[in-house]
Amino acid sequence: MIIRTATTRFTAAAIVLGALAGCASAPITGRLSVPGQAPVPAVLSYRSSLFGGSGKLWTTLPAGETFNGKYVLSGRDAPVTGTLSGDRGSVMVCRFALNEPGVGPDKGGTVQCEISTGGVFDASF
Protein backbone atom coordinates (compact mmCIF):
# COMPACT_ATOMS: atom_id res chain seq x y z
CA MET A 1 0.00 0.00 0.00
CA ILE A 2 2.80 2.45 0.83
CA ILE A 3 4.54 1.75 -2.49
CA ARG A 4 1.34 2.33 -4.46
CA THR A 5 0.70 5.65 -2.67
CA ALA A 6 4.27 6.85 -3.28
CA THR A 7 4.07 5.84 -6.95
CA THR A 8 0.76 7.65 -7.34
CA ARG A 9 2.17 10.82 -5.77
CA PHE A 10 5.29 10.67 -7.96
CA THR A 11 3.18 10.24 -11.09
CA ALA A 12 0.89 13.13 -10.13
CA ALA A 13 3.90 15.38 -9.43
CA ALA A 14 5.45 14.47 -12.80
CA ILE A 15 2.20 15.37 -14.61
CA VAL A 16 1.96 18.74 -12.85
CA LEU A 17 5.60 19.60 -13.59
CA GLY A 18 5.16 18.57 -17.22
CA ALA A 19 2.10 20.78 -17.55
CA LEU A 20 3.92 23.76 -16.05
CA ALA A 21 6.92 23.24 -18.32
CA GLY A 22 4.63 23.22 -21.37
CA CYS A 23 3.35 26.74 -20.74
CA ALA A 24 5.56 29.41 -22.27
CA SER A 25 5.67 32.89 -20.85
CA ALA A 26 7.71 35.93 -21.71
CA PRO A 27 7.76 39.71 -21.66
CA ILE A 28 7.15 41.60 -24.90
CA THR A 29 9.06 44.87 -24.74
CA GLY A 30 7.69 47.72 -26.80
CA ARG A 31 6.69 51.33 -26.57
CA LEU A 32 3.62 53.17 -25.41
CA SER A 33 2.53 56.22 -27.38
CA VAL A 34 0.03 58.55 -25.73
CA PRO A 35 -1.24 61.66 -27.59
CA GLY A 36 0.66 64.76 -26.52
CA GLN A 37 3.47 62.79 -24.83
CA ALA A 38 6.78 61.31 -25.96
CA PRO A 39 6.70 57.51 -26.46
CA VAL A 40 7.94 55.53 -23.44
CA PRO A 41 9.07 51.92 -22.98
CA ALA A 42 6.41 49.47 -21.81
CA VAL A 43 6.13 45.71 -21.38
CA LEU A 44 3.24 43.38 -22.23
CA SER A 45 3.62 39.88 -20.79
CA TYR A 46 1.99 36.65 -21.86
CA ARG A 47 1.65 33.07 -20.67
CA SER A 48 0.42 30.49 -23.15
CA SER A 49 -1.82 27.62 -22.13
CA LEU A 50 -0.57 24.04 -22.03
CA PHE A 51 -1.40 23.40 -25.70
CA GLY A 52 -0.79 26.98 -26.91
CA GLY A 53 -4.29 27.66 -28.25
CA SER A 54 -4.93 30.43 -25.76
CA GLY A 55 -3.22 32.32 -23.01
CA LYS A 56 -3.14 35.23 -20.61
CA LEU A 57 -1.92 38.78 -21.19
CA TRP A 58 -1.04 41.41 -18.60
CA THR A 59 0.75 44.73 -18.23
CA THR A 60 1.11 47.70 -15.92
CA LEU A 61 1.43 50.92 -17.88
CA PRO A 62 3.72 53.77 -16.76
CA ALA A 63 0.73 55.72 -15.37
CA GLY A 64 0.08 52.79 -13.00
CA GLU A 65 -3.01 51.18 -14.54
CA THR A 66 -2.84 47.38 -14.55
CA PHE A 67 -4.45 45.38 -17.37
CA ASN A 68 -5.30 41.66 -17.46
CA GLY A 69 -6.97 39.56 -20.13
CA LYS A 70 -6.61 36.66 -22.49
CA TYR A 71 -6.05 35.74 -26.11
CA VAL A 72 -7.39 32.83 -28.12
CA LEU A 73 -6.04 31.50 -31.40
CA SER A 74 -8.91 31.35 -33.88
CA GLY A 75 -7.13 29.38 -36.58
CA ARG A 76 -3.93 29.25 -38.60
CA ASP A 77 -4.78 32.22 -40.83
CA ALA A 78 -6.88 34.35 -38.48
CA PRO A 79 -5.25 37.21 -36.58
CA VAL A 80 -4.95 36.78 -32.84
CA THR A 81 -6.80 39.31 -30.74
CA GLY A 82 -6.64 39.75 -26.99
CA THR A 83 -8.81 41.96 -24.80
CA LEU A 84 -7.53 43.23 -21.47
CA SER A 85 -9.47 45.04 -18.76
CA GLY A 86 -7.81 47.77 -16.73
CA ASP A 87 -8.19 48.19 -13.00
CA ARG A 88 -9.29 51.81 -13.60
CA GLY A 89 -11.97 50.96 -16.17
CA SER A 90 -9.96 51.23 -19.38
CA VAL A 91 -9.87 48.51 -22.04
CA MET A 92 -6.90 47.43 -24.15
CA VAL A 93 -7.42 45.50 -27.40
CA CYS A 94 -4.30 43.81 -28.76
CA ARG A 95 -3.91 42.49 -32.31
CA PHE A 96 -1.05 40.11 -33.01
CA ALA A 97 0.53 39.24 -36.36
CA LEU A 98 2.43 36.06 -35.53
CA ASN A 99 5.51 34.70 -37.29
CA GLU A 100 3.95 31.22 -37.10
CA PRO A 101 0.16 31.54 -37.09
CA GLY A 102 -1.54 28.88 -35.03
CA VAL A 103 1.41 28.56 -32.64
CA GLY A 104 0.88 31.61 -30.42
CA PRO A 105 3.32 34.36 -29.38
CA ASP A 106 6.08 31.85 -28.57
CA LYS A 107 7.60 32.13 -32.08
CA GLY A 108 7.49 35.94 -32.24
CA GLY A 109 5.68 38.50 -34.35
CA THR A 110 4.28 41.98 -33.89
CA VAL A 111 1.54 43.35 -31.66
CA GLN A 112 -0.40 46.59 -31.52
CA CYS A 113 -2.68 47.34 -28.59
CA GLU A 114 -5.17 50.20 -28.63
CA ILE A 115 -6.16 51.60 -25.25
CA SER A 116 -9.61 53.06 -24.78
CA THR A 117 -8.04 56.22 -23.31
CA GLY A 118 -6.23 56.89 -26.58
CA GLY A 119 -2.79 55.34 -26.13
CA VAL A 120 -1.19 52.68 -28.34
CA PHE A 121 1.32 49.99 -27.35
CA ASP A 122 3.32 48.43 -30.18
CA ALA A 123 6.16 45.94 -30.34
CA SER A 124 8.05 43.46 -32.46
CA PHE A 125 9.12 40.36 -30.58
C-alpha atoms as a PDB file:
ATOM      1  CA  MET A   1       0.000   0.000   0.000  1.00  0.00           C
ATOM      2  CA  ILE A   2       2.801   2.449   0.835  1.00  0.00           C
ATOM      3  CA  ILE A   3       4.541   1.748  -2.491  1.00  0.00           C
ATOM      4  CA  ARG A   4       1.341   2.330  -4.461  1.00  0.00           C
ATOM      5  CA  THR A   5       0.705   5.654  -2.671  1.00  0.00           C
ATOM      6  CA  ALA A   6       4.269   6.850  -3.282  1.00  0.00           C
ATOM      7  CA  THR A   7       4.066   5.839  -6.950  1.00  0.00           C
ATOM      8  CA  THR A   8       0.757   7.648  -7.345  1.00  0.00           C
ATOM      9  CA  ARG A   9       2.173  10.824  -5.771  1.00  0.00           C
ATOM     10  CA  PHE A  10       5.290  10.672  -7.962  1.00  0.00           C
ATOM     11  CA  THR A  11       3.179  10.240 -11.093  1.00  0.00           C
ATOM     12  CA  ALA A  12       0.893  13.133 -10.131  1.00  0.00           C
ATOM     13  CA  ALA A  13       3.899  15.379  -9.430  1.00  0.00           C
ATOM     14  CA  ALA A  14       5.446  14.466 -12.796  1.00  0.00           C
ATOM     15  CA  ILE A  15       2.203  15.367 -14.607  1.00  0.00           C
ATOM     16  CA  VAL A  16       1.956  18.738 -12.851  1.00  0.00           C
ATOM     17  CA  LEU A  17       5.597  19.596 -13.589  1.00  0.00           C
ATOM     18  CA  GLY A  18       5.164  18.571 -17.219  1.00  0.00           C
ATOM     19  CA  ALA A  19       2.101  20.779 -17.553  1.00  0.00           C
ATOM     20  CA  LEU A  20       3.922  23.757 -16.053  1.00  0.00           C
ATOM     21  CA  ALA A  21       6.916  23.245 -18.315  1.00  0.00           C
ATOM     22  CA  GLY A  22       4.630  23.222 -21.373  1.00  0.00           C
ATOM     23  CA  CYS A  23       3.347  26.739 -20.736  1.00  0.00           C
ATOM     24  CA  ALA A  24       5.560  29.413 -22.272  1.00  0.00           C
ATOM     25  CA  SER A  25       5.670  32.893 -20.852  1.00  0.00           C
ATOM     26  CA  ALA A  26       7.712  35.930 -21.705  1.00  0.00           C
ATOM     27  CA  PRO A  27       7.763  39.713 -21.664  1.00  0.00           C
ATOM     28  CA  ILE A  28       7.152  41.598 -24.903  1.00  0.00           C
ATOM     29  CA  THR A  29       9.057  44.867 -24.742  1.00  0.00           C
ATOM     30  CA  GLY A  30       7.691  47.719 -26.805  1.00  0.00           C
ATOM     31  CA  ARG A  31       6.689  51.335 -26.570  1.00  0.00           C
ATOM     32  CA  LEU A  32       3.618  53.169 -25.405  1.00  0.00           C
ATOM     33  CA  SER A  33       2.530  56.216 -27.384  1.00  0.00           C
ATOM     34  CA  VAL A  34       0.031  58.547 -25.731  1.00  0.00           C
ATOM     35  CA  PRO A  35      -1.242  61.656 -27.587  1.00  0.00           C
ATOM     36  CA  GLY A  36       0.656  64.759 -26.520  1.00  0.00           C
ATOM     37  CA  GLN A  37       3.473  62.786 -24.831  1.00  0.00           C
ATOM     38  CA  ALA A  38       6.778  61.312 -25.963  1.00  0.00           C
ATOM     39  CA  PRO A  39       6.701  57.508 -26.461  1.00  0.00           C
ATOM     40  CA  VAL A  40       7.941  55.526 -23.444  1.00  0.00           C
ATOM     41  CA  PRO A  41       9.075  51.920 -22.984  1.00  0.00           C
ATOM     42  CA  ALA A  42       6.409  49.473 -21.813  1.00  0.00           C
ATOM     43  CA  VAL A  43       6.125  45.708 -21.381  1.00  0.00           C
ATOM     44  CA  LEU A  44       3.236  43.382 -22.228  1.00  0.00           C
ATOM     45  CA  SER A  45       3.619  39.884 -20.788  1.00  0.00           C
ATOM     46  CA  TYR A  46       1.989  36.649 -21.862  1.00  0.00           C
ATOM     47  CA  ARG A  47       1.654  33.071 -20.671  1.00  0.00           C
ATOM     48  CA  SER A  48       0.421  30.492 -23.152  1.00  0.00           C
ATOM     49  CA  SER A  49      -1.823  27.616 -22.135  1.00  0.00           C
ATOM     50  CA  LEU A  50      -0.569  24.044 -22.034  1.00  0.00           C
ATOM     51  CA  PHE A  51      -1.403  23.398 -25.695  1.00  0.00           C
ATOM     52  CA  GLY A  52      -0.786  26.982 -26.908  1.00  0.00           C
ATOM     53  CA  GLY A  53      -4.291  27.658 -28.252  1.00  0.00           C
ATOM     54  CA  SER A  54      -4.929  30.430 -25.762  1.00  0.00           C
ATOM     55  CA  GLY A  55      -3.216  32.321 -23.013  1.00  0.00           C
ATOM     56  CA  LYS A  56      -3.135  35.231 -20.612  1.00  0.00           C
ATOM     57  CA  LEU A  57      -1.922  38.779 -21.188  1.00  0.00           C
ATOM     58  CA  TRP A  58      -1.040  41.407 -18.602  1.00  0.00           C
ATOM     59  CA  THR A  59       0.747  44.730 -18.229  1.00  0.00           C
ATOM     60  CA  THR A  60       1.109  47.702 -15.922  1.00  0.00           C
ATOM     61  CA  LEU A  61       1.432  50.917 -17.882  1.00  0.00           C
ATOM     62  CA  PRO A  62       3.717  53.774 -16.764  1.00  0.00           C
ATOM     63  CA  ALA A  63       0.731  55.722 -15.374  1.00  0.00           C
ATOM     64  CA  GLY A  64       0.084  52.790 -13.004  1.00  0.00           C
ATOM     65  CA  GLU A  65      -3.011  51.175 -14.541  1.00  0.00           C
ATOM     66  CA  THR A  66      -2.844  47.378 -14.553  1.00  0.00           C
ATOM     67  CA  PHE A  67      -4.455  45.375 -17.374  1.00  0.00           C
ATOM     68  CA  ASN A  68      -5.300  41.663 -17.463  1.00  0.00           C
ATOM     69  CA  GLY A  69      -6.971  39.564 -20.131  1.00  0.00           C
ATOM     70  CA  LYS A  70      -6.606  36.662 -22.486  1.00  0.00           C
ATOM     71  CA  TYR A  71      -6.054  35.744 -26.106  1.00  0.00           C
ATOM     72  CA  VAL A  72      -7.391  32.830 -28.117  1.00  0.00           C
ATOM     73  CA  LEU A  73      -6.037  31.498 -31.397  1.00  0.00           C
ATOM     74  CA  SER A  74      -8.909  31.353 -33.884  1.00  0.00           C
ATOM     75  CA  GLY A  75      -7.127  29.376 -36.581  1.00  0.00           C
ATOM     76  CA  ARG A  76      -3.934  29.245 -38.599  1.00  0.00           C
ATOM     77  CA  ASP A  77      -4.778  32.224 -40.833  1.00  0.00           C
ATOM     78  CA  ALA A  78      -6.875  34.346 -38.482  1.00  0.00           C
ATOM     79  CA  PRO A  79      -5.248  37.212 -36.583  1.00  0.00           C
ATOM     80  CA  VAL A  80      -4.946  36.777 -32.842  1.00  0.00           C
ATOM     81  CA  THR A  81      -6.803  39.313 -30.736  1.00  0.00           C
ATOM     82  CA  GLY A  82      -6.643  39.755 -26.987  1.00  0.00           C
ATOM     83  CA  THR A  83      -8.810  41.962 -24.805  1.00  0.00           C
ATOM     84  CA  LEU A  84      -7.531  43.226 -21.467  1.00  0.00           C
ATOM     85  CA  SER A  85      -9.467  45.043 -18.758  1.00  0.00           C
ATOM     86  CA  GLY A  86      -7.805  47.774 -16.733  1.00  0.00           C
ATOM     87  CA  ASP A  87      -8.188  48.189 -12.995  1.00  0.00           C
ATOM     88  CA  ARG A  88      -9.291  51.809 -13.602  1.00  0.00           C
ATOM     89  CA  GLY A  89     -11.965  50.960 -16.165  1.00  0.00           C
ATOM     90  CA  SER A  90      -9.958  51.226 -19.384  1.00  0.00           C
ATOM     91  CA  VAL A  91      -9.872  48.506 -22.037  1.00  0.00           C
ATOM     92  CA  MET A  92      -6.904  47.435 -24.152  1.00  0.00           C
ATOM     93  CA  VAL A  93      -7.424  45.497 -27.399  1.00  0.00           C
ATOM     94  CA  CYS A  94      -4.301  43.811 -28.760  1.00  0.00           C
ATOM     95  CA  ARG A  95      -3.906  42.490 -32.309  1.00  0.00           C
ATOM     96  CA  PHE A  96      -1.054  40.109 -33.013  1.00  0.00           C
ATOM     97  CA  ALA A  97       0.535  39.243 -36.363  1.00  0.00           C
ATOM     98  CA  LEU A  98       2.430  36.065 -35.529  1.00  0.00           C
ATOM     99  CA  ASN A  99       5.507  34.702 -37.286  1.00  0.00           C
ATOM    100  CA  GLU A 100       3.955  31.224 -37.099  1.00  0.00           C
ATOM    101  CA  PRO A 101       0.157  31.544 -37.088  1.00  0.00           C
ATOM    102  CA  GLY A 102      -1.538  28.879 -35.029  1.00  0.00           C
ATOM    103  CA  VAL A 103       1.408  28.565 -32.640  1.00  0.00           C
ATOM    104  CA  GLY A 104       0.878  31.613 -30.424  1.00  0.00           C
ATOM    105  CA  PRO A 105       3.320  34.361 -29.384  1.00  0.00           C
ATOM    106  CA  ASP A 106       6.083  31.852 -28.569  1.00  0.00           C
ATOM    107  CA  LYS A 107       7.602  32.128 -32.078  1.00  0.00           C
ATOM    108  CA  GLY A 108       7.489  35.940 -32.241  1.00  0.00           C
ATOM    109  CA  GLY A 109       5.684  38.497 -34.345  1.00  0.00           C
ATOM    110  CA  THR A 110       4.279  41.983 -33.894  1.00  0.00           C
ATOM    111  CA  VAL A 111       1.544  43.348 -31.664  1.00  0.00           C
ATOM    112  CA  GLN A 112      -0.395  46.594 -31.525  1.00  0.00           C
ATOM    113  CA  CYS A 113      -2.683  47.340 -28.590  1.00  0.00           C
ATOM    114  CA  GLU A 114      -5.166  50.197 -28.631  1.00  0.00           C
ATOM    115  CA  ILE A 115      -6.158  51.596 -25.253  1.00  0.00           C
ATOM    116  CA  SER A 116      -9.614  53.059 -24.784  1.00  0.00           C
ATOM    117  CA  THR A 117      -8.043  56.215 -23.306  1.00  0.00           C
ATOM    118  CA  GLY A 118      -6.232  56.894 -26.584  1.00  0.00           C
ATOM    119  CA  GLY A 119      -2.790  55.336 -26.130  1.00  0.00           C
ATOM    120  CA  VAL A 120      -1.194  52.682 -28.343  1.00  0.00           C
ATOM    121  CA  PHE A 121       1.324  49.991 -27.348  1.00  0.00           C
ATOM    122  CA  ASP A 122       3.317  48.432 -30.182  1.00  0.00           C
ATOM    123  CA  ALA A 123       6.159  45.935 -30.336  1.00  0.00           C
ATOM    124  CA  SER A 124       8.051  43.461 -32.461  1.00  0.00           C
ATOM    125  CA  PHE A 125       9.123  40.361 -30.582  1.00  0.00           C
END
